[in-house]
């Protein structure tokens, strides 16, 4: 419902759903609590396998989703531009 009131948020909504899917799958395949994604961790390998992807393809997809989200957020709120571009997280 949150996304439905924000004009132009279709991309964010689609990416949110995909990231949540990855997060839920990570929790299912991980033996540790939490949903912190670490590219060099065994759980990342298991996540890729569960999603029927290679780790490299999954890493590329995650990078693309994050990049698209940053661009979409910038378009929705230009005040974020300097904060997003200067953020290390």
PDB file of N, CA and C in Angstrom:
ATOM      1  N   UNK A   1       0.812  -1.200   0.000  1.00  0.00           N
ATOM      2  CA  UNK A   1       0.000   0.000   0.000  1.00  0.00           C
ATOM      3  C   UNK A   1       0.857   1.266   0.000  1.00  0.00           C
ATOM      4  N   UNK A   2       2.002   1.206   0.678  1.00  0.00           N
ATOM      5  CA  UNK A   2       2.878   2.366   0.760  1.00  0.00           C
ATOM      6  C   UNK A   2       3.274   2.844  -0.632  1.00  0.00           C
ATOM      7  N   UNK A   3       3.671   1.911  -1.486  1.00  0.00           N
ATOM      8  CA  UNK A   3       4.121   2.273  -2.826  1.00  0.00           C
ATOM      9  C   UNK A   3       2.989   2.825  -3.690  1.00  0.00           C
ATOM     10  N   UNK A   4       1.762   2.426  -3.416  1.00  0.00           N
ATOM     11  CA  UNK A   4       0.640   2.866  -4.253  1.00  0.00           C
ATOM     12  C   UNK A   4       0.371   4.360  -4.141  1.00  0.00           C
ATOM     13  N   UNK A   5       0.819   4.996  -3.072  1.00  0.00           N
ATOM     14  CA  UNK A   5       0.575   6.432  -2.907  1.00  0.00           C
ATOM     15  C   UNK A   5       1.734   7.286  -3.411  1.00  0.00           C
ATOM     16  N   UNK A   6       2.801   6.646  -3.855  1.00  0.00           N
ATOM     17  CA  UNK A   6       3.966   7.374  -4.358  1.00  0.00           C
ATOM     18  C   UNK A   6       3.997   7.263  -5.873  1.00  0.00           C
ATOM     19  N   UNK A   7       3.815   8.382  -6.534  1.00  0.00           N
ATOM     20  CA  UNK A   7       3.832   8.391  -7.991  1.00  0.00           C
ATOM     21  C   UNK A   7       5.209   7.989  -8.502  1.00  0.00           C
ATOM     22  N   UNK A   8       5.247   7.122  -9.487  1.00  0.00           N
ATOM     23  CA  UNK A   8       6.507   6.722 -10.096  1.00  0.00           C
ATOM     24  C   UNK A   8       7.308   5.726  -9.285  1.00  0.00           C
ATOM     25  N   UNK A   9       6.653   5.010  -8.392  1.00  0.00           N
ATOM     26  CA  UNK A   9       7.390   4.081  -7.525  1.00  0.00           C
ATOM     27  C   UNK A   9       7.288   2.627  -7.976  1.00  0.00           C
ATOM     28  N   UNK A  10       6.848   2.391  -9.203  1.00  0.00           N
ATOM     29  CA  UNK A  10       6.666   1.019  -9.674  1.00  0.00           C
ATOM     30  C   UNK A  10       7.970   0.219  -9.624  1.00  0.00           C
ATOM     31  N   UNK A  11       9.073   0.856 -10.041  1.00  0.00           N
ATOM     32  CA  UNK A  11      10.372   0.190 -10.020  1.00  0.00           C
ATOM     33  C   UNK A  11      10.772  -0.154  -8.588  1.00  0.00           C
ATOM     34  N   UNK A  12      10.589   0.780  -7.677  1.00  0.00           N
ATOM     35  CA  UNK A  12      10.917   0.510  -6.277  1.00  0.00           C
ATOM     36  C   UNK A  12      10.079  -0.638  -5.731  1.00  0.00           C
ATOM     37  N   UNK A  13       8.806  -0.662  -6.089  1.00  0.00           N
ATOM     38  CA  UNK A  13       7.928  -1.726  -5.615  1.00  0.00           C
ATOM     39  C   UNK A  13       8.379  -3.081  -6.159  1.00  0.00           C
ATOM     40  N   UNK A  14       8.693  -3.148  -7.432  1.00  0.00           N
ATOM     41  CA  UNK A  14       9.147  -4.400  -8.038  1.00  0.00           C
ATOM     42  C   UNK A  14      10.448  -4.866  -7.385  1.00  0.00           C
ATOM     43  N   UNK A  15      11.386  -3.938  -7.206  1.00  0.00           N
ATOM     44  CA  UNK A  15      12.663  -4.289  -6.592  1.00  0.00           C
ATOM     45  C   UNK A  15      12.495  -4.699  -5.135  1.00  0.00           C
ATOM     46  N   UNK A  16      11.594  -4.027  -4.435  1.00  0.00           N
ATOM     47  CA  UNK A  16      11.333  -4.367  -3.038  1.00  0.00           C
ATOM     48  C   UNK A  16      10.847  -5.809  -2.920  1.00  0.00           C
ATOM     49  N   UNK A  17       9.922  -6.182  -3.784  1.00  0.00           N
ATOM     50  CA  UNK A  17       9.383  -7.540  -3.749  1.00  0.00           C
ATOM     51  C   UNK A  17      10.491  -8.558  -4.019  1.00  0.00           C
ATOM     52  N   UNK A  18      11.340  -8.280  -4.999  1.00  0.00           N
ATOM     53  CA  UNK A  18      12.436  -9.203  -5.321  1.00  0.00           C
ATOM     54  C   UNK A  18      13.443  -9.281  -4.183  1.00  0.00           C
ATOM     55  N   UNK A  19      13.801  -8.149  -3.588  1.00  0.00           N
ATOM     56  CA  UNK A  19      14.743  -8.161  -2.472  1.00  0.00           C
ATOM     57  C   UNK A  19      14.162  -8.886  -1.258  1.00  0.00           C
ATOM     58  N   UNK A  20      12.877  -8.708  -1.014  1.00  0.00           N
ATOM     59  CA  UNK A  20      12.229  -9.427   0.099  1.00  0.00           C
ATOM     60  C   UNK A  20      12.221 -10.927  -0.163  1.00  0.00           C
ATOM     61  N   UNK A  21      12.006 -11.304  -1.426  1.00  0.00           N
ATOM     62  CA  UNK A  21      12.049 -12.723  -1.785  1.00  0.00           C
ATOM     63  C   UNK A  21      13.440 -13.284  -1.482  1.00  0.00           C
ATOM     64  N   UNK A  22      14.469 -12.551  -1.872  1.00  0.00           N
ATOM     65  CA  UNK A  22      15.841 -12.995  -1.600  1.00  0.00           C
ATOM     66  C   UNK A  22      16.101 -13.070  -0.103  1.00  0.00           C
ATOM     67  N   UNK A  23      15.623 -12.078   0.620  1.00  0.00           N
ATOM     68  CA  UNK A  23      15.824 -12.060   2.071  1.00  0.00           C
ATOM     69  C   UNK A  23      15.168 -13.272   2.729  1.00  0.00           C
ATOM     70  N   UNK A  24      13.927 -13.574   2.339  1.00  0.00           N
ATOM     71  CA  UNK A  24      13.219 -14.711   2.918  1.00  0.00           C
ATOM     72  C   UNK A  24      13.909 -16.028   2.571  1.00  0.00           C
ATOM     73  N   UNK A  25      14.358 -16.162   1.327  1.00  0.00           N
ATOM     74  CA  UNK A  25      15.057 -17.368   0.919  1.00  0.00           C
ATOM     75  C   UNK A  25      16.380 -17.495   1.679  1.00  0.00           C
ATOM     76  N   UNK A  26      17.074 -16.383   1.885  1.00  0.00           N
ATOM     77  CA  UNK A  26      18.322 -16.400   2.641  1.00  0.00           C
ATOM     78  C   UNK A  26      18.082 -16.906   4.055  1.00  0.00           C
ATOM     79  N   UNK A  27      17.017 -16.458   4.665  1.00  0.00           N
ATOM     80  CA  UNK A  27      16.708 -16.915   6.017  1.00  0.00           C
ATOM     81  C   UNK A  27      16.408 -18.405   6.042  1.00  0.00           C
ATOM     82  N   UNK A  28      15.821 -18.920   4.978  1.00  0.00           N
ATOM     83  CA  UNK A  28      15.516 -20.349   4.918  1.00  0.00           C
ATOM     84  C   UNK A  28      16.771 -21.197   4.730  1.00  0.00           C
ATOM     85  N   UNK A  29      17.711 -20.724   3.930  1.00  0.00           N
ATOM     86  CA  UNK A  29      18.898 -21.535   3.637  1.00  0.00           C
ATOM     87  C   UNK A  29      20.041 -21.289   4.610  1.00  0.00           C
ATOM     88  N   UNK A  30      19.998 -20.209   5.345  1.00  0.00           N
ATOM     89  CA  UNK A  30      21.083 -19.863   6.245  1.00  0.00           C
ATOM     90  C   UNK A  30      20.940 -20.590   7.577  1.00  0.00           C
ATOM     91  N   UNK A  31      22.057 -20.974   8.126  1.00  0.00           N
ATOM     92  CA  UNK A  31      22.051 -21.611   9.443  1.00  0.00           C
ATOM     93  C   UNK A  31      22.202 -20.593  10.561  1.00  0.00           C
ATOM     94  N   UNK A  32      22.402 -19.330  10.186  1.00  0.00           N
ATOM     95  CA  UNK A  32      22.587 -18.267  11.164  1.00  0.00           C
ATOM     96  C   UNK A  32      21.354 -17.365  11.187  1.00  0.00           C
ATOM     97  N   UNK A  33      21.143 -16.706  12.300  1.00  0.00           N
ATOM     98  CA  UNK A  33      20.027 -15.782  12.407  1.00  0.00           C
ATOM     99  C   UNK A  33      20.291 -14.505  11.641  1.00  0.00           C
ATOM    100  N   UNK A  34      19.251 -13.789  11.367  1.00  0.00           N
ATOM    101  CA  UNK A  34      19.384 -12.524  10.661  1.00  0.00           C
ATOM    102  C   UNK A  34      19.417 -12.715   9.158  1.00  0.00           C
ATOM    103  N   UNK A  35      19.441 -11.615   8.440  1.00  0.00           N
ATOM    104  CA  UNK A  35      19.395 -11.687   6.988  1.00  0.00           C
ATOM    105  C   UNK A  35      20.497 -10.854   6.360  1.00  0.00           C
ATOM    106  N   UNK A  36      21.648 -10.799   7.023  1.00  0.00           N
ATOM    107  CA  UNK A  36      22.753 -10.025   6.477  1.00  0.00           C
ATOM    108  C   UNK A  36      23.393 -10.814   5.342  1.00  0.00           C
ATOM    109  N   UNK A  37      23.485 -10.184   4.198  1.00  0.00           N
ATOM    110  CA  UNK A  37      24.009 -10.843   3.008  1.00  0.00           C
ATOM    111  C   UNK A  37      25.488 -10.541   2.856  1.00  0.00           C
ATOM    112  N   UNK A  38      26.293 -11.595   2.824  1.00  0.00           N
ATOM    113  CA  UNK A  38      27.734 -11.452   2.643  1.00  0.00           C
ATOM    114  C   UNK A  38      28.124 -12.273   1.424  1.00  0.00           C
ATOM    115  N   UNK A  39      28.681 -11.589   0.422  1.00  0.00           N
ATOM    116  CA  UNK A  39      28.961 -12.237  -0.861  1.00  0.00           C
ATOM    117  C   UNK A  39      29.933 -13.402  -0.748  1.00  0.00           C
ATOM    118  N   UNK A  40      30.838 -13.359   0.202  1.00  0.00           N
ATOM    119  CA  UNK A  40      31.837 -14.418   0.314  1.00  0.00           C
ATOM    120  C   UNK A  40      31.469 -15.464   1.364  1.00  0.00           C
ATOM    121  N   UNK A  41      30.223 -15.472   1.796  1.00  0.00           N
ATOM    122  CA  UNK A  41      29.774 -16.401   2.824  1.00  0.00           C
ATOM    123  C   UNK A  41      29.083 -17.601   2.179  1.00  0.00           C
ATOM    124  N   UNK A  42      29.147 -18.727   2.857  1.00  0.00           N
ATOM    125  CA  UNK A  42      28.513 -19.954   2.356  1.00  0.00           C
ATOM    126  C   UNK A  42      27.018 -19.756   2.104  1.00  0.00           C
ATOM    127  N   UNK A  43      26.358 -18.958   2.929  1.00  0.00           N
ATOM    128  CA  UNK A  43      24.917 -18.750   2.762  1.00  0.00           C
ATOM    129  C   UNK A  43      24.596 -18.055   1.439  1.00  0.00           C
ATOM    130  N   UNK A  44      25.527 -17.228   0.942  1.00  0.00           N
ATOM    131  CA  UNK A  44      25.309 -16.582  -0.350  1.00  0.00           C
ATOM    132  C   UNK A  44      25.335 -17.632  -1.463  1.00  0.00           C
ATOM    133  N   UNK A  45      26.242 -18.583  -1.351  1.00  0.00           N
ATOM    134  CA  UNK A  45      26.313 -19.677  -2.317  1.00  0.00           C
ATOM    135  C   UNK A  45      25.021 -20.496  -2.285  1.00  0.00           C
ATOM    136  N   UNK A  46      24.538 -20.761  -1.086  1.00  0.00           N
ATOM    137  CA  UNK A  46      23.298 -21.525  -0.925  1.00  0.00           C
ATOM    138  C   UNK A  46      22.098 -20.749  -1.467  1.00  0.00           C
ATOM    139  N   UNK A  47      22.092 -19.447  -1.240  1.00  0.00           N
ATOM    140  CA  UNK A  47      21.010 -18.612  -1.761  1.00  0.00           C
ATOM    141  C   UNK A  47      20.987 -18.651  -3.281  1.00  0.00           C
ATOM    142  N   UNK A  48      22.140 -18.503  -3.900  1.00  0.00           N
ATOM    143  CA  UNK A  48      22.217 -18.557  -5.354  1.00  0.00           C
ATOM    144  C   UNK A  48      21.694 -19.891  -5.873  1.00  0.00           C
ATOM    145  N   UNK A  49      22.095 -20.950  -5.232  1.00  0.00           N
ATOM    146  CA  UNK A  49      21.640 -22.279  -5.646  1.00  0.00           C
ATOM    147  C   UNK A  49      20.128 -22.416  -5.484  1.00  0.00           C
ATOM    148  N   UNK A  50      19.590 -21.940  -4.369  1.00  0.00           N
ATOM    149  CA  UNK A  50      18.147 -22.018  -4.129  1.00  0.00           C
ATOM    150  C   UNK A  50      17.365 -21.201  -5.159  1.00  0.00           C
ATOM    151  N   UNK A  51      17.958 -20.108  -5.621  1.00  0.00           N
ATOM    152  CA  UNK A  51      17.309 -19.263  -6.628  1.00  0.00           C
ATOM    153  C   UNK A  51      17.653 -19.708  -8.050  1.00  0.00           C
ATOM    154  N   UNK A  52      18.378 -20.822  -8.145  1.00  0.00           N
ATOM    155  CA  UNK A  52      18.771 -21.413  -9.421  1.00  0.00           C
ATOM    156  C   UNK A  52      19.571 -20.427 -10.278  1.00  0.00           C
ATOM    157  N   UNK A  53      20.546 -19.801  -9.623  1.00  0.00           N
ATOM    158  CA  UNK A  53      21.441 -18.856 -10.283  1.00  0.00           C
ATOM    159  C   UNK A  53      22.872 -19.150  -9.855  1.00  0.00           C
ATOM    160  N   UNK A  54      23.825 -18.682 -10.637  1.00  0.00           N
ATOM    161  CA  UNK A  54      25.211 -18.744 -10.176  1.00  0.00           C
ATOM    162  C   UNK A  54      25.423 -17.595  -9.200  1.00  0.00           C
ATOM    163  N   UNK A  55      26.389 -17.712  -8.313  1.00  0.00           N
ATOM    164  CA  UNK A  55      26.681 -16.600  -7.399  1.00  0.00           C
ATOM    165  C   UNK A  55      26.998 -15.304  -8.142  1.00  0.00           C
ATOM    166  N   UNK A  56      27.666 -15.407  -9.280  1.00  0.00           N
ATOM    167  CA  UNK A  56      28.016 -14.217 -10.053  1.00  0.00           C
ATOM    168  C   UNK A  56      26.765 -13.525 -10.605  1.00  0.00           C
ATOM    169  N   UNK A  57      25.833 -14.305 -11.111  1.00  0.00           N
ATOM    170  CA  UNK A  57      24.590 -13.724 -11.637  1.00  0.00           C
ATOM    171  C   UNK A  57      23.780 -13.098 -10.516  1.00  0.00           C
ATOM    172  N   UNK A  58      23.721 -13.771  -9.373  1.00  0.00           N
ATOM    173  CA  UNK A  58      22.994 -13.220  -8.226  1.00  0.00           C
ATOM    174  C   UNK A  58      23.635 -11.925  -7.753  1.00  0.00           C
ATOM    175  N   UNK A  59      24.955 -11.894  -7.683  1.00  0.00           N
ATOM    176  CA  UNK A  59      25.652 -10.669  -7.279  1.00  0.00           C
ATOM    177  C   UNK A  59      25.353  -9.534  -8.259  1.00  0.00           C
ATOM    178  N   UNK A  60      25.364  -9.837  -9.546  1.00  0.00           N
ATOM    179  CA  UNK A  60      25.041  -8.819 -10.560  1.00  0.00           C
ATOM    180  C   UNK A  60      23.606  -8.334 -10.413  1.00  0.00           C
ATOM    181  N   UNK A  61      22.676  -9.260 -10.159  1.00  0.00           N
ATOM    182  CA  UNK A  61      21.276  -8.861  -9.981  1.00  0.00           C
ATOM    183  C   UNK A  61      21.107  -7.954  -8.773  1.00  0.00           C
ATOM    184  N   UNK A  62      21.759  -8.314  -7.668  1.00  0.00           N
ATOM    185  CA  UNK A  62      21.683  -7.476  -6.466  1.00  0.00           C
ATOM    186  C   UNK A  62      22.265  -6.090  -6.712  1.00  0.00           C
ATOM    187  N   UNK A  63      23.387  -6.033  -7.399  1.00  0.00           N
ATOM    188  CA  UNK A  63      23.998  -4.738  -7.715  1.00  0.00           C
ATOM    189  C   UNK A  63      23.071  -3.892  -8.571  1.00  0.00           C
ATOM    190  N   UNK A  64      22.441  -4.521  -9.554  1.00  0.00           N
ATOM    191  CA  UNK A  64      21.513  -3.808 -10.420  1.00  0.00           C
ATOM    192  C   UNK A  64      20.299  -3.303  -9.638  1.00  0.00           C
ATOM    193  N   UNK A  65      19.732  -4.148  -8.780  1.00  0.00           N
ATOM    194  CA  UNK A  65      18.577  -3.738  -7.983  1.00  0.00           C
ATOM    195  C   UNK A  65      18.912  -2.546  -7.101  1.00  0.00           C
ATOM    196  N   UNK A  66      20.052  -2.596  -6.455  1.00  0.00           N
ATOM    197  CA  UNK A  66      20.459  -1.498  -5.573  1.00  0.00           C
ATOM    198  C   UNK A  66      20.700  -0.223  -6.373  1.00  0.00           C
ATOM    199  N   UNK A  67      21.360  -0.356  -7.506  1.00  0.00           N
ATOM    200  CA  UNK A  67      21.613   0.808  -8.359  1.00  0.00           C
ATOM    201  C   UNK A  67      20.301   1.423  -8.845  1.00  0.00           C
ATOM    202  N   UNK A  68      19.394   0.582  -9.296  1.00  0.00           N
ATOM    203  CA  UNK A  68      18.085   1.084  -9.754  1.00  0.00           C
ATOM    204  C   UNK A  68      17.344   1.777  -8.630  1.00  0.00           C
ATOM    205  N   UNK A  69      17.403   1.206  -7.426  1.00  0.00           N
ATOM    206  CA  UNK A  69      16.721   1.816  -6.285  1.00  0.00           C
ATOM    207  C   UNK A  69      17.305   3.179  -5.950  1.00  0.00           C
ATOM    208  N   UNK A  70      18.623   3.287  -5.973  1.00  0.00           N
ATOM    209  CA  UNK A  70      19.252   4.574  -5.676  1.00  0.00           C
ATOM    210  C   UNK A  70      18.847   5.628  -6.702  1.00  0.00           C
ATOM    211  N   UNK A  71      18.804   5.246  -7.970  1.00  0.00           N
ATOM    212  CA  UNK A  71      18.391   6.183  -9.014  1.00  0.00           C
ATOM    213  C   UNK A  71      16.924   6.580  -8.844  1.00  0.00           C
ATOM    214  N   UNK A  72      16.077   5.604  -8.537  1.00  0.00           N
ATOM    215  CA  UNK A  72      14.651   5.895  -8.358  1.00  0.00           C
ATOM    216  C   UNK A  72      14.425   6.795  -7.151  1.00  0.00           C
ATOM    217  N   UNK A  73      15.123   6.526  -6.062  1.00  0.00           N
ATOM    218  CA  UNK A  73      14.989   7.372  -4.874  1.00  0.00           C
ATOM    219  C   UNK A  73      15.466   8.786  -5.149  1.00  0.00           C
ATOM    220  N   UNK A  74      16.517   8.905  -5.929  1.00  0.00           N
ATOM    221  CA  UNK A  74      17.019  10.217  -6.295  1.00  0.00           C
ATOM    222  C   UNK A  74      15.982  10.990  -7.099  1.00  0.00           C
ATOM    223  N   UNK A  75      15.300  10.322  -7.997  1.00  0.00           N
ATOM    224  CA  UNK A  75      14.265  10.987  -8.799  1.00  0.00           C
ATOM    225  C   UNK A  75      13.074  11.394  -7.952  1.00  0.00           C
ATOM    226  N   UNK A  76      12.735  10.571  -6.961  1.00  0.00           N
ATOM    227  CA  UNK A  76      11.603  10.888  -6.098  1.00  0.00           C
ATOM    228  C   UNK A  76      11.927  11.998  -5.106  1.00  0.00           C
ATOM    229  N   UNK A  77      13.173  12.087  -4.683  1.00  0.00           N
ATOM    230  CA  UNK A  77      13.587  13.086  -3.694  1.00  0.00           C
ATOM    231  C   UNK A  77      15.000  13.560  -4.016  1.00  0.00           C
ATOM    232  N   UNK A  78      15.140  14.608  -4.831  1.00  0.00           N
ATOM    233  CA  UNK A  78      16.471  15.092  -5.231  1.00  0.00           C
ATOM    234  C   UNK A  78      17.369  15.493  -4.064  1.00  0.00           C
ATOM    235  N   UNK A  79      16.802  15.758  -2.897  1.00  0.00           N
ATOM    236  CA  UNK A  79      17.619  16.108  -1.728  1.00  0.00           C
ATOM    237  C   UNK A  79      18.523  14.958  -1.330  1.00  0.00           C
ATOM    238  N   UNK A  80      18.157  13.735  -1.708  1.00  0.00           N
ATOM    239  CA  UNK A  80      18.930  12.547  -1.342  1.00  0.00           C
ATOM    240  C   UNK A  80      20.195  12.403  -2.181  1.00  0.00           C
ATOM    241  N   UNK A  81      20.283  13.081  -3.301  1.00  0.00           N
ATOM    242  CA  UNK A  81      21.365  12.868  -4.259  1.00  0.00           C
ATOM    243  C   UNK A  81      22.755  12.900  -3.612  1.00  0.00           C
ATOM    244  N   UNK A  82      23.054  13.943  -2.906  1.00  0.00           N
ATOM    245  CA  UNK A  82      24.393  14.040  -2.329  1.00  0.00           C
ATOM    246  C   UNK A  82      24.591  13.007  -1.232  1.00  0.00           C
ATOM    247  N   UNK A  83      23.561  12.689  -0.494  1.00  0.00           N
ATOM    248  CA  UNK A  83      23.672  11.700   0.569  1.00  0.00           C
ATOM    249  C   UNK A  83      23.902  10.314  -0.014  1.00  0.00           C
ATOM    250  N   UNK A  84      23.165   9.965  -1.084  1.00  0.00           N
ATOM    251  CA  UNK A  84      23.283   8.648  -1.704  1.00  0.00           C
ATOM    252  C   UNK A  84      24.645   8.498  -2.361  1.00  0.00           C
ATOM    253  N   UNK A  85      25.067   9.492  -3.099  1.00  0.00           N
ATOM    254  CA  UNK A  85      26.313   9.394  -3.820  1.00  0.00           C
ATOM    255  C   UNK A  85      27.526   9.384  -2.894  1.00  0.00           C
ATOM    256  N   UNK A  86      27.387   9.969  -1.705  1.00  0.00           N
ATOM    257  CA  UNK A  86      28.502  10.027  -0.764  1.00  0.00           C
ATOM    258  C   UNK A  86      28.446   8.929   0.286  1.00  0.00           C
ATOM    259  N   UNK A  87      27.430   8.080   0.230  1.00  0.00           N
ATOM    260  CA  UNK A  87      27.262   7.025   1.224  1.00  0.00           C
ATOM    261  C   UNK A  87      28.124   5.821   0.885  1.00  0.00           C
ATOM    262  N   UNK A  88      28.737   5.230   1.903  1.00  0.00           N
ATOM    263  CA  UNK A  88      29.540   4.019   1.716  1.00  0.00           C
ATOM    264  C   UNK A  88      28.747   2.775   2.038  1.00  0.00           C
ATOM    265  N   UNK A  89      27.497   2.902   2.433  1.00  0.00           N
ATOM    266  CA  UNK A  89      26.702   1.736   2.828  1.00  0.00           C
ATOM    267  C   UNK A  89      25.802   1.280   1.717  1.00  0.00           C
TER     268      UNK A  89
END
